[in-house]
Amino acid sequence: MSQVTPPSLIWSPAMPHKANAACRHHIPRAKRIVTNWSEYEAALRQRGNLTAWFSDEAIKG
């Protein structure tokens, strides 16, 4: 009876790191450098604000 080596244990050379470079998602570099951090952080906080306006009729209803 002979043993068969499973395909997962057969040595194969590693793929080059750029084998699928065209298909991978890359995070682009920042286009602008932040110079005024206080304004930038305030703008980020403002982005999370949600203002909802309700008419008096809607509140009464």
N, C-alpha and C. Protein backbone atom coordinates (compact mmCIF):
# COMPACT_ATOMS: atom_id res chain seq x y z
N MET A 1 0.84 -1.16 0.00
CA MET A 1 0.00 0.00 0.00
C MET A 1 0.90 1.25 0.00
N SER A 2 0.69 2.13 -0.96
CA SER A 2 1.53 3.33 -1.03
C SER A 2 0.73 4.55 -0.57
N GLN A 3 1.44 5.51 0.00
CA GLN A 3 0.79 6.73 0.46
C GLN A 3 0.84 7.78 -0.64
N VAL A 4 -0.22 8.53 -0.75
CA VAL A 4 -0.30 9.62 -1.72
C VAL A 4 -0.23 10.93 -0.94
N THR A 5 0.66 11.79 -1.35
CA THR A 5 0.81 13.08 -0.68
C THR A 5 -0.32 14.02 -1.14
N PRO A 6 -1.06 14.62 -0.20
CA PRO A 6 -2.13 15.53 -0.59
C PRO A 6 -1.55 16.77 -1.29
N PRO A 7 -2.31 17.34 -2.20
CA PRO A 7 -1.81 18.51 -2.94
C PRO A 7 -1.40 19.67 -2.05
N SER A 8 -2.01 19.81 -0.88
CA SER A 8 -1.67 20.93 0.00
C SER A 8 -0.27 20.80 0.58
N LEU A 9 0.29 19.59 0.60
CA LEU A 9 1.61 19.39 1.19
C LEU A 9 2.73 19.38 0.14
N ILE A 10 2.37 19.43 -1.12
CA ILE A 10 3.39 19.45 -2.17
C ILE A 10 3.96 20.85 -2.24
N TRP A 11 5.30 20.95 -2.22
CA TRP A 11 5.95 22.26 -2.23
C TRP A 11 5.79 22.90 -3.58
N SER A 12 5.47 24.18 -3.56
CA SER A 12 5.42 24.96 -4.80
C SER A 12 6.01 26.33 -4.48
N PRO A 13 6.67 26.94 -5.45
CA PRO A 13 7.27 28.24 -5.19
C PRO A 13 6.20 29.28 -4.88
N ALA A 14 6.54 30.23 -4.07
CA ALA A 14 5.59 31.28 -3.68
C ALA A 14 5.29 32.19 -4.86
N MET A 15 4.09 32.73 -4.88
CA MET A 15 3.71 33.67 -5.93
C MET A 15 4.42 34.99 -5.68
N PRO A 16 4.81 35.69 -6.71
CA PRO A 16 5.41 37.01 -6.50
C PRO A 16 4.38 37.95 -5.89
N HIS A 17 4.85 38.93 -5.13
CA HIS A 17 3.92 39.81 -4.41
C HIS A 17 3.11 40.69 -5.34
N LYS A 18 3.50 40.84 -6.59
CA LYS A 18 2.75 41.67 -7.52
C LYS A 18 1.94 40.84 -8.51
N ALA A 19 1.67 39.60 -8.19
CA ALA A 19 0.97 38.72 -9.12
C ALA A 19 -0.42 39.24 -9.45
N ASN A 20 -1.14 39.75 -8.47
CA ASN A 20 -2.50 40.25 -8.69
C ASN A 20 -2.59 41.74 -8.38
N ALA A 21 -1.56 42.49 -8.65
CA ALA A 21 -1.51 43.91 -8.29
C ALA A 21 -2.64 44.70 -8.93
N ALA A 22 -3.02 44.37 -10.15
CA ALA A 22 -4.07 45.12 -10.83
C ALA A 22 -5.43 44.89 -10.19
N CYS A 23 -5.62 43.76 -9.53
CA CYS A 23 -6.92 43.41 -8.96
C CYS A 23 -7.07 43.86 -7.51
N ARG A 24 -5.98 44.18 -6.84
CA ARG A 24 -6.06 44.52 -5.43
C ARG A 24 -6.53 45.96 -5.24
N HIS A 25 -7.21 46.20 -4.13
CA HIS A 25 -7.69 47.54 -3.78
C HIS A 25 -6.57 48.26 -3.04
N HIS A 26 -6.26 49.44 -3.50
CA HIS A 26 -5.21 50.23 -2.86
C HIS A 26 -5.82 51.51 -2.30
N ILE A 27 -5.42 51.88 -1.10
CA ILE A 27 -5.89 53.12 -0.49
C ILE A 27 -5.03 54.25 -1.03
N PRO A 28 -5.66 55.25 -1.67
CA PRO A 28 -4.87 56.34 -2.24
C PRO A 28 -4.26 57.22 -1.15
N ARG A 29 -3.17 57.85 -1.48
CA ARG A 29 -2.53 58.78 -0.54
C ARG A 29 -3.36 60.05 -0.44
N ALA A 30 -3.22 60.74 0.68
CA ALA A 30 -3.95 61.99 0.87
C ALA A 30 -3.50 63.02 -0.14
N LYS A 31 -4.46 63.75 -0.71
CA LYS A 31 -4.13 64.76 -1.73
C LYS A 31 -3.71 66.08 -1.09
N ARG A 32 -4.21 66.30 0.12
CA ARG A 32 -3.89 67.56 0.80
C ARG A 32 -3.33 67.25 2.18
N ILE A 33 -2.48 68.12 2.66
CA ILE A 33 -1.91 67.99 4.00
C ILE A 33 -2.69 68.90 4.93
N VAL A 34 -3.13 68.37 6.06
CA VAL A 34 -3.89 69.16 7.02
C VAL A 34 -2.92 70.08 7.75
N THR A 35 -3.21 71.38 7.69
CA THR A 35 -2.35 72.35 8.38
C THR A 35 -3.07 72.97 9.59
N ASN A 36 -4.40 73.03 9.55
CA ASN A 36 -5.16 73.60 10.65
C ASN A 36 -6.00 72.50 11.28
N TRP A 37 -5.41 71.82 12.27
CA TRP A 37 -6.06 70.66 12.86
C TRP A 37 -7.33 71.01 13.61
N SER A 38 -7.40 72.17 14.23
CA SER A 38 -8.61 72.51 14.98
C SER A 38 -9.80 72.67 14.04
N GLU A 39 -9.61 73.31 12.90
CA GLU A 39 -10.69 73.44 11.91
C GLU A 39 -11.08 72.08 11.34
N TYR A 40 -10.08 71.25 11.08
CA TYR A 40 -10.32 69.92 10.51
C TYR A 40 -11.15 69.07 11.46
N GLU A 41 -10.79 69.06 12.74
CA GLU A 41 -11.52 68.27 13.72
C GLU A 41 -12.94 68.80 13.91
N ALA A 42 -13.10 70.13 13.87
CA ALA A 42 -14.44 70.72 13.99
C ALA A 42 -15.30 70.32 12.80
N ALA A 43 -14.71 70.29 11.62
CA ALA A 43 -15.45 69.89 10.42
C ALA A 43 -15.87 68.42 10.51
N LEU A 44 -15.01 67.56 11.06
CA LEU A 44 -15.36 66.15 11.23
C LEU A 44 -16.52 65.99 12.21
N ARG A 45 -16.48 66.76 13.29
CA ARG A 45 -17.58 66.70 14.26
C ARG A 45 -18.88 67.19 13.63
N GLN A 46 -18.80 68.25 12.84
CA GLN A 46 -19.98 68.82 12.20
C GLN A 46 -20.61 67.82 11.23
N ARG A 47 -19.79 66.98 10.63
CA ARG A 47 -20.29 65.99 9.68
C ARG A 47 -21.27 65.02 10.33
N GLY A 48 -21.09 64.78 11.62
CA GLY A 48 -21.94 63.84 12.32
C GLY A 48 -23.24 64.44 12.83
N ASN A 49 -23.41 65.76 12.74
CA ASN A 49 -24.63 66.40 13.23
C ASN A 49 -25.79 66.13 12.28
N LEU A 50 -26.96 65.95 12.86
CA LEU A 50 -28.16 65.74 12.08
C LEU A 50 -29.23 66.67 12.62
N THR A 51 -29.72 67.55 11.76
CA THR A 51 -30.76 68.49 12.16
C THR A 51 -32.05 68.08 11.49
N ALA A 52 -33.11 67.92 12.27
CA ALA A 52 -34.42 67.56 11.73
C ALA A 52 -35.39 68.69 12.06
N TRP A 53 -36.10 69.14 11.06
CA TRP A 53 -37.07 70.22 11.23
C TRP A 53 -38.47 69.62 11.15
N PHE A 54 -39.30 69.92 12.17
CA PHE A 54 -40.68 69.47 12.20
C PHE A 54 -41.57 70.68 12.27
N SER A 55 -42.65 70.65 11.50
CA SER A 55 -43.61 71.76 11.55
C SER A 55 -44.48 71.61 12.81
N ASP A 56 -45.12 72.70 13.17
CA ASP A 56 -46.00 72.65 14.36
C ASP A 56 -47.13 71.66 14.16
N GLU A 57 -47.65 71.57 12.91
CA GLU A 57 -48.72 70.62 12.63
C GLU A 57 -48.25 69.17 12.84
N ALA A 58 -47.05 68.90 12.47
CA ALA A 58 -46.53 67.54 12.61
C ALA A 58 -46.34 67.20 14.09
N ILE A 59 -45.92 68.18 14.87
CA ILE A 59 -45.73 67.93 16.31
C ILE A 59 -47.10 67.73 16.99
N LYS A 60 -48.08 68.52 16.59
CA LYS A 60 -49.41 68.38 17.17
C LYS A 60 -50.07 67.07 16.77
N GLY A 61 -49.72 66.59 15.57
CA GLY A 61 -50.35 65.36 15.04
C GLY A 61 -49.70 64.17 15.62
